[in-house]
C-alpha atoms as a PDB file:
ATOM      1  CA  MET A   1       0.000   0.000   0.000  1.00  0.00           C
ATOM      2  CA  ASN A   2       1.236   3.489  -0.717  1.00  0.00           C
ATOM      3  CA  ALA A   3       0.199   6.811   0.802  1.00  0.00           C
ATOM      4  CA  PHE A   4      -2.504   7.315  -1.830  1.00  0.00           C
ATOM      5  CA  ASN A   5      -4.340   4.039  -1.238  1.00  0.00           C
ATOM      6  CA  ASN A   6      -6.942   3.405   1.421  1.00  0.00           C
ATOM      7  CA  LYS A   7      -5.336   2.004   4.561  1.00  0.00           C
ATOM      8  CA  GLN A   8      -6.127  -1.548   5.444  1.00  0.00           C
ATOM      9  CA  SER A   9      -5.192  -3.550   8.503  1.00  0.00           C
ATOM     10  CA  GLU A  10      -2.470  -6.131   7.991  1.00  0.00           C
ATOM     11  CA  ASN A  11      -3.585  -8.026  11.103  1.00  0.00           C
ATOM     12  CA  SER A  12      -6.736 -10.082  10.521  1.00  0.00           C
ATOM     13  CA  ASP A  13      -7.722  -9.672  14.209  1.00  0.00           C
ATOM     14  CA  GLU A  14      -8.122  -5.898  13.750  1.00  0.00           C
ATOM     15  CA  GLU A  15     -11.034  -4.248  11.958  1.00  0.00           C
ATOM     16  CA  SER A  16     -10.332  -2.725   8.572  1.00  0.00           C
ATOM     17  CA  PHE A  17     -11.360   0.931   8.212  1.00  0.00           C
ATOM     18  CA  ASP A  18     -11.828   2.763   4.949  1.00  0.00           C
ATOM     19  CA  TYR A  19     -10.590   6.340   4.754  1.00  0.00           C
ATOM     20  CA  PRO A  20     -11.541   8.780   2.004  1.00  0.00           C
ATOM     21  CA  ARG A  21      -8.782   9.131  -0.557  1.00  0.00           C
ATOM     22  CA  PRO A  22      -7.223  12.600  -0.645  1.00  0.00           C
ATOM     23  CA  ARG A  23      -7.724  14.631  -3.795  1.00  0.00           C
ATOM     24  CA  ILE A  24      -4.649  14.601  -6.041  1.00  0.00           C
ATOM     25  CA  ILE A  25      -3.570  17.911  -7.587  1.00  0.00           C
ATOM     26  CA  ASN A  26      -0.737  17.959 -10.111  1.00  0.00           C
ATOM     27  CA  SER A  27       1.978  20.367  -8.955  1.00  0.00           C
ATOM     28  CA  GLU A  28       2.249  21.842 -12.462  1.00  0.00           C
ATOM     29  CA  GLU A  29      -1.443  22.706 -12.324  1.00  0.00           C
ATOM     30  CA  LEU A  30      -1.033  24.221  -8.856  1.00  0.00           C
ATOM     31  CA  MET A  31       2.092  26.239  -9.643  1.00  0.00           C
ATOM     32  CA  GLN A  32       0.968  27.260 -13.183  1.00  0.00           C
ATOM     33  CA  GLY A  33       4.543  27.945 -14.314  1.00  0.00           C
ATOM     34  CA  GLU A  34       5.437  29.989 -11.240  1.00  0.00           C
ATOM     35  CA  VAL A  35       8.415  29.170  -9.001  1.00  0.00           C
ATOM     36  CA  GLU A  36       6.605  30.421  -5.899  1.00  0.00           C
ATOM     37  CA  ILE A  37       2.979  30.854  -4.843  1.00  0.00           C
ATOM     38  CA  LEU A  38       1.301  32.096  -1.673  1.00  0.00           C
ATOM     39  CA  ILE A  39      -1.417  30.065   0.020  1.00  0.00           C
ATOM     40  CA  HIS A  40      -3.790  31.785   2.454  1.00  0.00           C
ATOM     41  CA  HIS A  41      -5.088  29.361   5.112  1.00  0.00           C
ATOM     42  CA  ASN A  42      -6.849  30.239   8.387  1.00  0.00           C
ATOM     43  CA  ASP A  43      -5.620  33.841   8.429  1.00  0.00           C
ATOM     44  CA  THR A  44      -2.028  32.689   7.845  1.00  0.00           C
ATOM     45  CA  MET A  45      -0.005  33.090   4.662  1.00  0.00           C
ATOM     46  CA  TYR A  46       2.138  30.165   3.507  1.00  0.00           C
ATOM     47  CA  ARG A  47       4.776  30.213   0.783  1.00  0.00           C
ATOM     48  CA  LEU A  48       5.070  27.202  -1.534  1.00  0.00           C
ATOM     49  CA  ARG A  49       8.124  27.246  -3.748  1.00  0.00           C
ATOM     50  CA  GLU A  50       9.913  24.886  -6.087  1.00  0.00           C
ATOM     51  CA  THR A  51      13.658  24.498  -5.592  1.00  0.00           C
ATOM     52  CA  LYS A  52      16.213  24.350  -8.415  1.00  0.00           C
ATOM     53  CA  THR A  53      16.256  20.567  -7.961  1.00  0.00           C
ATOM     54  CA  GLY A  54      12.458  20.344  -8.410  1.00  0.00           C
ATOM     55  CA  LYS A  55      11.446  19.766  -4.786  1.00  0.00           C
ATOM     56  CA  LEU A  56       8.552  21.649  -3.176  1.00  0.00           C
ATOM     57  CA  ILE A  57       9.048  23.543   0.084  1.00  0.00           C
ATOM     58  CA  LEU A  58       6.153  24.900   2.156  1.00  0.00           C
ATOM     59  CA  GLN A  59       7.062  27.695   4.598  1.00  0.00           C
ATOM     60  CA  LYS A  60       4.965  29.588   7.096  1.00  0.00           C
END
């Protein structure tokens, strides 16, 4: 199982719970060609930027 699949119990003695799958958003669609975007969440501004090596960093 990976992080995008519903979690299931590996132990047959435990109940298996289904969790809603998170929505997947392509980073290219989110960034729209920008290197950095600002995200406003609960009265706080967050900075999401792509590094030169292609990693995403979220900063408060």
